[in-house]
């Protein structure tokens, strides 16, 4: 079974979000674990990260297959998260 962990930057951004947006993010992450084929996920060019789109937000993550965990590196709005 896979799980996910947040890096500090992603965790800080998540805490500042509105509660209903936080629920949407956690639902998307739970869906990522259950069945990733139904989500809007793309590989980022020039990086080892992937992008998960959740409305106006983007979740950047890496997949650690050895430990079977998704590492959430960054969460942010579409224009800011890639900087």
PDB file of N, CA and C in Angstrom:
ATOM      1  N   UNK A   1       0.837  -1.196   0.000  1.00  0.00           N
ATOM      2  CA  UNK A   1       0.000   0.000   0.000  1.00  0.00           C
ATOM      3  C   UNK A   1       0.871   1.245   0.000  1.00  0.00           C
ATOM      4  N   UNK A   2       0.499   2.187  -0.793  1.00  0.00           N
ATOM      5  CA  UNK A   2       1.244   3.445  -0.865  1.00  0.00           C
ATOM      6  C   UNK A   2       0.705   4.446   0.144  1.00  0.00           C
ATOM      7  N   UNK A   3       1.547   5.383   0.478  1.00  0.00           N
ATOM      8  CA  UNK A   3       1.185   6.460   1.386  1.00  0.00           C
ATOM      9  C   UNK A   3       1.785   7.739   0.830  1.00  0.00           C
ATOM     10  N   UNK A   4       1.575   8.856   1.478  1.00  0.00           N
ATOM     11  CA  UNK A   4       2.207  10.092   1.044  1.00  0.00           C
ATOM     12  C   UNK A   4       2.718  10.864   2.252  1.00  0.00           C
ATOM     13  N   UNK A   5       3.806  11.598   2.002  1.00  0.00           N
ATOM     14  CA  UNK A   5       4.369  12.471   3.023  1.00  0.00           C
ATOM     15  C   UNK A   5       4.568  13.844   2.402  1.00  0.00           C
ATOM     16  N   UNK A   6       4.529  14.867   3.226  1.00  0.00           N
ATOM     17  CA  UNK A   6       4.667  16.242   2.768  1.00  0.00           C
ATOM     18  C   UNK A   6       6.027  16.798   3.162  1.00  0.00           C
ATOM     19  N   UNK A   7       6.671  17.486   2.239  1.00  0.00           N
ATOM     20  CA  UNK A   7       7.841  18.271   2.609  1.00  0.00           C
ATOM     21  C   UNK A   7       7.339  19.549   3.274  1.00  0.00           C
ATOM     22  N   UNK A   8       8.208  20.216   3.997  1.00  0.00           N
ATOM     23  CA  UNK A   8       7.820  21.369   4.812  1.00  0.00           C
ATOM     24  C   UNK A   8       7.109  22.463   4.006  1.00  0.00           C
ATOM     25  N   UNK A   9       7.625  22.774   2.823  1.00  0.00           N
ATOM     26  CA  UNK A   9       7.031  23.836   2.000  1.00  0.00           C
ATOM     27  C   UNK A   9       5.585  23.502   1.636  1.00  0.00           C
ATOM     28  N   UNK A  10       5.336  22.274   1.250  1.00  0.00           N
ATOM     29  CA  UNK A  10       3.984  21.852   0.876  1.00  0.00           C
ATOM     30  C   UNK A  10       3.063  21.868   2.088  1.00  0.00           C
ATOM     31  N   UNK A  11       3.573  21.436   3.224  1.00  0.00           N
ATOM     32  CA  UNK A  11       2.769  21.407   4.438  1.00  0.00           C
ATOM     33  C   UNK A  11       2.371  22.817   4.878  1.00  0.00           C
ATOM     34  N   UNK A  12       3.286  23.767   4.782  1.00  0.00           N
ATOM     35  CA  UNK A  12       2.975  25.160   5.133  1.00  0.00           C
ATOM     36  C   UNK A  12       1.888  25.734   4.241  1.00  0.00           C
ATOM     37  N   UNK A  13       2.014  25.496   2.937  1.00  0.00           N
ATOM     38  CA  UNK A  13       1.017  26.014   2.004  1.00  0.00           C
ATOM     39  C   UNK A  13      -0.350  25.393   2.285  1.00  0.00           C
ATOM     40  N   UNK A  14      -0.358  24.117   2.576  1.00  0.00           N
ATOM     41  CA  UNK A  14      -1.611  23.414   2.846  1.00  0.00           C
ATOM     42  C   UNK A  14      -2.303  23.976   4.085  1.00  0.00           C
ATOM     43  N   UNK A  15      -1.548  24.294   5.110  1.00  0.00           N
ATOM     44  CA  UNK A  15      -2.126  24.859   6.336  1.00  0.00           C
ATOM     45  C   UNK A  15      -2.781  26.209   6.102  1.00  0.00           C
ATOM     46  N   UNK A  16      -2.274  26.993   5.149  1.00  0.00           N
ATOM     47  CA  UNK A  16      -2.805  28.330   4.880  1.00  0.00           C
ATOM     48  C   UNK A  16      -4.043  28.308   3.985  1.00  0.00           C
ATOM     49  N   UNK A  17      -4.327  27.175   3.378  1.00  0.00           N
ATOM     50  CA  UNK A  17      -5.453  27.077   2.448  1.00  0.00           C
ATOM     51  C   UNK A  17      -6.789  27.075   3.193  1.00  0.00           C
ATOM     52  N   UNK A  18      -7.857  27.390   2.450  1.00  0.00           N
ATOM     53  CA  UNK A  18      -9.205  27.310   2.989  1.00  0.00           C
ATOM     54  C   UNK A  18      -9.537  25.836   3.277  1.00  0.00           C
ATOM     55  N   UNK A  19     -10.337  25.581   4.301  1.00  0.00           N
ATOM     56  CA  UNK A  19     -10.655  24.191   4.664  1.00  0.00           C
ATOM     57  C   UNK A  19     -11.262  23.368   3.526  1.00  0.00           C
ATOM     58  N   UNK A  20     -12.139  23.962   2.731  1.00  0.00           N
ATOM     59  CA  UNK A  20     -12.746  23.191   1.634  1.00  0.00           C
ATOM     60  C   UNK A  20     -11.709  22.847   0.562  1.00  0.00           C
ATOM     61  N   UNK A  21     -10.721  23.718   0.335  1.00  0.00           N
ATOM     62  CA  UNK A  21      -9.641  23.412  -0.602  1.00  0.00           C
ATOM     63  C   UNK A  21      -8.726  22.321  -0.049  1.00  0.00           C
ATOM     64  N   UNK A  22      -8.500  22.343   1.260  1.00  0.00           N
ATOM     65  CA  UNK A  22      -7.698  21.300   1.888  1.00  0.00           C
ATOM     66  C   UNK A  22      -8.352  19.935   1.689  1.00  0.00           C
ATOM     67  N   UNK A  23      -9.662  19.884   1.832  1.00  0.00           N
ATOM     68  CA  UNK A  23     -10.389  18.623   1.645  1.00  0.00           C
ATOM     69  C   UNK A  23     -10.217  18.141   0.208  1.00  0.00           C
ATOM     70  N   UNK A  24     -10.311  19.056  -0.773  1.00  0.00           N
ATOM     71  CA  UNK A  24     -10.132  18.679  -2.177  1.00  0.00           C
ATOM     72  C   UNK A  24      -8.744  18.126  -2.427  1.00  0.00           C
ATOM     73  N   UNK A  25      -7.724  18.726  -1.803  1.00  0.00           N
ATOM     74  CA  UNK A  25      -6.346  18.256  -1.960  1.00  0.00           C
ATOM     75  C   UNK A  25      -6.201  16.848  -1.382  1.00  0.00           C
ATOM     76  N   UNK A  26      -6.715  16.636  -0.160  1.00  0.00           N
ATOM     77  CA  UNK A  26      -6.603  15.318   0.461  1.00  0.00           C
ATOM     78  C   UNK A  26      -7.395  14.263  -0.304  1.00  0.00           C
ATOM     79  N   UNK A  27      -8.540  14.632  -0.849  1.00  0.00           N
ATOM     80  CA  UNK A  27      -9.309  13.682  -1.661  1.00  0.00           C
ATOM     81  C   UNK A  27      -8.539  13.287  -2.915  1.00  0.00           C
ATOM     82  N   UNK A  28      -7.873  14.259  -3.546  1.00  0.00           N
ATOM     83  CA  UNK A  28      -7.076  13.970  -4.737  1.00  0.00           C
ATOM     84  C   UNK A  28      -5.894  13.063  -4.390  1.00  0.00           C
ATOM     85  N   UNK A  29      -5.266  13.299  -3.244  1.00  0.00           N
ATOM     86  CA  UNK A  29      -4.134  12.457  -2.831  1.00  0.00           C
ATOM     87  C   UNK A  29      -4.597  11.040  -2.497  1.00  0.00           C
ATOM     88  N   UNK A  30      -5.775  10.924  -1.891  1.00  0.00           N
ATOM     89  CA  UNK A  30      -6.320   9.590  -1.626  1.00  0.00           C
ATOM     90  C   UNK A  30      -6.632   8.871  -2.936  1.00  0.00           C
ATOM     91  N   UNK A  31      -7.123   9.619  -3.924  1.00  0.00           N
ATOM     92  CA  UNK A  31      -7.382   9.033  -5.241  1.00  0.00           C
ATOM     93  C   UNK A  31      -6.083   8.623  -5.925  1.00  0.00           C
ATOM     94  N   UNK A  32      -5.033   9.384  -5.689  1.00  0.00           N
ATOM     95  CA  UNK A  32      -3.722   9.058  -6.249  1.00  0.00           C
ATOM     96  C   UNK A  32      -3.270   7.684  -5.742  1.00  0.00           C
ATOM     97  N   UNK A  33      -3.503   7.422  -4.483  1.00  0.00           N
ATOM     98  CA  UNK A  33      -3.119   6.139  -3.896  1.00  0.00           C
ATOM     99  C   UNK A  33      -4.026   5.017  -4.408  1.00  0.00           C
ATOM    100  N   UNK A  34      -5.325   5.296  -4.483  1.00  0.00           N
ATOM    101  CA  UNK A  34      -6.286   4.261  -4.864  1.00  0.00           C
ATOM    102  C   UNK A  34      -6.199   3.907  -6.346  1.00  0.00           C
ATOM    103  N   UNK A  35      -6.286   4.916  -7.222  1.00  0.00           N
ATOM    104  CA  UNK A  35      -6.294   4.661  -8.666  1.00  0.00           C
ATOM    105  C   UNK A  35      -5.827   5.913  -9.393  1.00  0.00           C
ATOM    106  N   UNK A  36      -4.553   5.988  -9.683  1.00  0.00           N
ATOM    107  CA  UNK A  36      -3.970   7.186 -10.301  1.00  0.00           C
ATOM    108  C   UNK A  36      -4.388   7.370 -11.753  1.00  0.00           C
ATOM    109  N   UNK A  37      -4.942   6.349 -12.385  1.00  0.00           N
ATOM    110  CA  UNK A  37      -5.292   6.460 -13.806  1.00  0.00           C
ATOM    111  C   UNK A  37      -6.457   7.416 -14.056  1.00  0.00           C
ATOM    112  N   UNK A  38      -7.227   7.748 -13.033  1.00  0.00           N
ATOM    113  CA  UNK A  38      -8.374   8.628 -13.208  1.00  0.00           C
ATOM    114  C   UNK A  38      -8.017  10.097 -13.029  1.00  0.00           C
ATOM    115  N   UNK A  39      -6.780  10.405 -12.664  1.00  0.00           N
ATOM    116  CA  UNK A  39      -6.374  11.773 -12.344  1.00  0.00           C
ATOM    117  C   UNK A  39      -5.596  12.421 -13.475  1.00  0.00           C
ATOM    118  N   UNK A  40      -5.514  13.747 -13.431  1.00  0.00           N
ATOM    119  CA  UNK A  40      -4.769  14.530 -14.411  1.00  0.00           C
ATOM    120  C   UNK A  40      -3.324  14.674 -13.924  1.00  0.00           C
ATOM    121  N   UNK A  41      -2.496  13.695 -14.276  1.00  0.00           N
ATOM    122  CA  UNK A  41      -1.095  13.663 -13.840  1.00  0.00           C
ATOM    123  C   UNK A  41      -0.203  13.760 -15.066  1.00  0.00           C
ATOM    124  N   UNK A  42       0.830  14.601 -14.966  1.00  0.00           N
ATOM    125  CA  UNK A  42       1.796  14.718 -16.055  1.00  0.00           C
ATOM    126  C   UNK A  42       3.199  14.737 -15.483  1.00  0.00           C
ATOM    127  N   UNK A  43       4.135  14.234 -16.264  1.00  0.00           N
ATOM    128  CA  UNK A  43       5.542  14.292 -15.908  1.00  0.00           C
ATOM    129  C   UNK A  43       6.063  15.683 -16.259  1.00  0.00           C
ATOM    130  N   UNK A  44       6.888  16.255 -15.409  1.00  0.00           N
ATOM    131  CA  UNK A  44       7.437  17.585 -15.668  1.00  0.00           C
ATOM    132  C   UNK A  44       8.725  17.468 -16.463  1.00  0.00           C
ATOM    133  N   UNK A  45       8.853  18.296 -17.469  1.00  0.00           N
ATOM    134  CA  UNK A  45      10.049  18.277 -18.310  1.00  0.00           C
ATOM    135  C   UNK A  45      11.245  18.821 -17.541  1.00  0.00           C
ATOM    136  N   UNK A  46      12.361  18.132 -17.652  1.00  0.00           N
ATOM    137  CA  UNK A  46      13.592  18.574 -17.015  1.00  0.00           C
ATOM    138  C   UNK A  46      13.657  18.303 -15.527  1.00  0.00           C
ATOM    139  N   UNK A  47      12.648  17.633 -14.981  1.00  0.00           N
ATOM    140  CA  UNK A  47      12.610  17.335 -13.551  1.00  0.00           C
ATOM    141  C   UNK A  47      12.135  15.903 -13.358  1.00  0.00           C
ATOM    142  N   UNK A  48      12.374  15.383 -12.183  1.00  0.00           N
ATOM    143  CA  UNK A  48      11.918  14.025 -11.883  1.00  0.00           C
ATOM    144  C   UNK A  48      10.545  14.025 -11.221  1.00  0.00           C
ATOM    145  N   UNK A  49       9.944  15.215 -11.095  1.00  0.00           N
ATOM    146  CA  UNK A  49       8.650  15.347 -10.430  1.00  0.00           C
ATOM    147  C   UNK A  49       7.491  15.107 -11.382  1.00  0.00           C
ATOM    148  N   UNK A  50       6.341  14.878 -10.783  1.00  0.00           N
ATOM    149  CA  UNK A  50       5.089  14.790 -11.511  1.00  0.00           C
ATOM    150  C   UNK A  50       4.178  15.902 -11.026  1.00  0.00           C
ATOM    151  N   UNK A  51       3.185  16.209 -11.832  1.00  0.00           N
ATOM    152  CA  UNK A  51       2.230  17.256 -11.495  1.00  0.00           C
ATOM    153  C   UNK A  51       0.837  16.648 -11.444  1.00  0.00           C
ATOM    154  N   UNK A  52       0.118  16.945 -10.369  1.00  0.00           N
ATOM    155  CA  UNK A  52      -1.273  16.542 -10.223  1.00  0.00           C
ATOM    156  C   UNK A  52      -2.109  17.811 -10.186  1.00  0.00           C
ATOM    157  N   UNK A  53      -3.089  17.904 -11.075  1.00  0.00           N
ATOM    158  CA  UNK A  53      -3.940  19.092 -11.144  1.00  0.00           C
ATOM    159  C   UNK A  53      -5.196  18.864 -10.313  1.00  0.00           C
ATOM    160  N   UNK A  54      -5.469  19.829  -9.422  1.00  0.00           N
ATOM    161  CA  UNK A  54      -6.681  19.807  -8.598  1.00  0.00           C
ATOM    162  C   UNK A  54      -7.294  21.195  -8.691  1.00  0.00           C
ATOM    163  N   UNK A  55      -8.173  21.396  -9.658  1.00  0.00           N
ATOM    164  CA  UNK A  55      -8.769  22.712  -9.865  1.00  0.00           C
ATOM    165  C   UNK A  55      -7.707  23.727 -10.225  1.00  0.00           C
ATOM    166  N   UNK A  56      -7.653  24.821  -9.469  1.00  0.00           N
ATOM    167  CA  UNK A  56      -6.654  25.860  -9.742  1.00  0.00           C
ATOM    168  C   UNK A  56      -5.317  25.580  -9.058  1.00  0.00           C
ATOM    169  N   UNK A  57      -5.248  24.492  -8.314  1.00  0.00           N
ATOM    170  CA  UNK A  57      -4.019  24.144  -7.600  1.00  0.00           C
ATOM    171  C   UNK A  57      -3.253  23.039  -8.319  1.00  0.00           C
ATOM    172  N   UNK A  58      -1.953  23.034  -8.086  1.00  0.00           N
ATOM    173  CA  UNK A  58      -1.084  21.992  -8.615  1.00  0.00           C
ATOM    174  C   UNK A  58      -0.320  21.379  -7.456  1.00  0.00           C
ATOM    175  N   UNK A  59      -0.217  20.065  -7.482  1.00  0.00           N
ATOM    176  CA  UNK A  59       0.549  19.329  -6.477  1.00  0.00           C
ATOM    177  C   UNK A  59       1.731  18.706  -7.198  1.00  0.00           C
ATOM    178  N   UNK A  60       2.923  19.056  -6.781  1.00  0.00           N
ATOM    179  CA  UNK A  60       4.132  18.467  -7.356  1.00  0.00           C
ATOM    180  C   UNK A  60       4.593  17.365  -6.414  1.00  0.00           C
ATOM    181  N   UNK A  61       4.887  16.206  -6.992  1.00  0.00           N
ATOM    182  CA  UNK A  61       5.283  15.078  -6.159  1.00  0.00           C
ATOM    183  C   UNK A  61       6.274  14.188  -6.884  1.00  0.00           C
ATOM    184  N   UNK A  62       6.966  13.373  -6.081  1.00  0.00           N
ATOM    185  CA  UNK A  62       7.861  12.337  -6.587  1.00  0.00           C
ATOM    186  C   UNK A  62       7.339  11.010  -6.079  1.00  0.00           C
ATOM    187  N   UNK A  63       7.622   9.983  -6.843  1.00  0.00           N
ATOM    188  CA  UNK A  63       7.217   8.645  -6.443  1.00  0.00           C
ATOM    189  C   UNK A  63       8.447   7.890  -5.961  1.00  0.00           C
ATOM    190  N   UNK A  64       8.454   7.498  -4.711  1.00  0.00           N
ATOM    191  CA  UNK A  64       9.539   6.708  -4.132  1.00  0.00           C
ATOM    192  C   UNK A  64       9.087   5.256  -4.125  1.00  0.00           C
ATOM    193  N   UNK A  65       9.447   4.519  -5.169  1.00  0.00           N
ATOM    194  CA  UNK A  65       8.969   3.145  -5.323  1.00  0.00           C
ATOM    195  C   UNK A  65       9.573   2.201  -4.297  1.00  0.00           C
ATOM    196  N   UNK A  66      10.802   2.482  -3.887  1.00  0.00           N
ATOM    197  CA  UNK A  66      11.468   1.616  -2.924  1.00  0.00           C
ATOM    198  C   UNK A  66      10.708   1.582  -1.595  1.00  0.00           C
ATOM    199  N   UNK A  67      10.296   2.755  -1.122  1.00  0.00           N
ATOM    200  CA  UNK A  67       9.568   2.853   0.145  1.00  0.00           C
ATOM    201  C   UNK A  67       8.062   2.885  -0.053  1.00  0.00           C
ATOM    202  N   UNK A  68       7.607   2.821  -1.295  1.00  0.00           N
ATOM    203  CA  UNK A  68       6.200   2.862  -1.664  1.00  0.00           C
ATOM    204  C   UNK A  68       5.490   4.064  -1.032  1.00  0.00           C
ATOM    205  N   UNK A  69       6.016   5.240  -1.353  1.00  0.00           N
ATOM    206  CA  UNK A  69       5.451   6.472  -0.815  1.00  0.00           C
ATOM    207  C   UNK A  69       5.521   7.559  -1.879  1.00  0.00           C
ATOM    208  N   UNK A  70       4.529   8.445  -1.866  1.00  0.00           N
ATOM    209  CA  UNK A  70       4.565   9.645  -2.703  1.00  0.00           C
ATOM    210  C   UNK A  70       5.065  10.789  -1.835  1.00  0.00           C
ATOM    211  N   UNK A  71       6.077  11.497  -2.312  1.00  0.00           N
ATOM    212  CA  UNK A  71       6.643  12.625  -1.583  1.00  0.00           C
ATOM    213  C   UNK A  71       6.087  13.896  -2.213  1.00  0.00           C
ATOM    214  N   UNK A  72       5.249  14.609  -1.469  1.00  0.00           N
ATOM    215  CA  UNK A  72       4.632  15.839  -1.945  1.00  0.00           C
ATOM    216  C   UNK A  72       5.640  16.963  -1.727  1.00  0.00           C
ATOM    217  N   UNK A  73       6.210  17.471  -2.824  1.00  0.00           N
ATOM    218  CA  UNK A  73       7.271  18.470  -2.705  1.00  0.00           C
ATOM    219  C   UNK A  73       6.737  19.889  -2.654  1.00  0.00           C
ATOM    220  N   UNK A  74       5.620  20.149  -3.347  1.00  0.00           N
ATOM    221  CA  UNK A  74       5.109  21.512  -3.404  1.00  0.00           C
ATOM    222  C   UNK A  74       3.631  21.499  -3.757  1.00  0.00           C
ATOM    223  N   UNK A  75       2.915  22.468  -3.183  1.00  0.00           N
ATOM    224  CA  UNK A  75       1.511  22.710  -3.523  1.00  0.00           C
ATOM    225  C   UNK A  75       1.388  24.198  -3.763  1.00  0.00           C
ATOM    226  N   UNK A  76       0.656  24.575  -4.802  1.00  0.00           N
ATOM    227  CA  UNK A  76       0.481  25.996  -5.071  1.00  0.00           C
ATOM    228  C   UNK A  76      -0.480  26.237  -6.207  1.00  0.00           C
ATOM    229  N   UNK A  77      -0.721  27.508  -6.465  1.00  0.00           N
ATOM    230  CA  UNK A  77      -1.579  27.863  -7.591  1.00  0.00           C
ATOM    231  C   UNK A  77      -0.817  27.643  -8.889  1.00  0.00           C
ATOM    232  N   UNK A  78      -1.535  27.568  -9.954  1.00  0.00           N
ATOM    233  CA  UNK A  78      -0.957  27.215 -11.258  1.00  0.00           C
ATOM    234  C   UNK A  78       0.229  28.079 -11.636  1.00  0.00           C
ATOM    235  N   UNK A  79       0.148  29.376 -11.426  1.00  0.00           N
ATOM    236  CA  UNK A  79       1.208  30.273 -11.859  1.00  0.00           C
ATOM    237  C   UNK A  79       2.434  30.290 -10.964  1.00  0.00           C
ATOM    238  N   UNK A  80       2.282  29.893  -9.711  1.00  0.00           N
ATOM    239  CA  UNK A  80       3.370  30.037  -8.745  1.00  0.00           C
ATOM    240  C   UNK A  80       4.118  28.757  -8.421  1.00  0.00           C
ATOM    241  N   UNK A  81       3.501  27.625  -8.602  1.00  0.00           N
ATOM    242  CA  UNK A  81       4.076  26.385  -8.085  1.00  0.00           C
ATOM    243  C   UNK A  81       5.311  25.936  -8.840  1.00  0.00           C
ATOM    244  N   UNK A  82       5.474  26.324 -10.089  1.00  0.00           N
ATOM    245  CA  UNK A  82       6.599  25.845 -10.890  1.00  0.00           C
ATOM    246  C   UNK A  82       7.863  26.675 -10.729  1.00  0.00           C
ATOM    247  N   UNK A  83       7.807  27.775 -10.007  1.00  0.00           N
ATOM    248  CA  UNK A  83       8.963  28.665  -9.851  1.00  0.00           C
ATOM    249  C   UNK A  83       9.962  28.106  -8.868  1.00  0.00           C
TER     250      UNK A  83
END
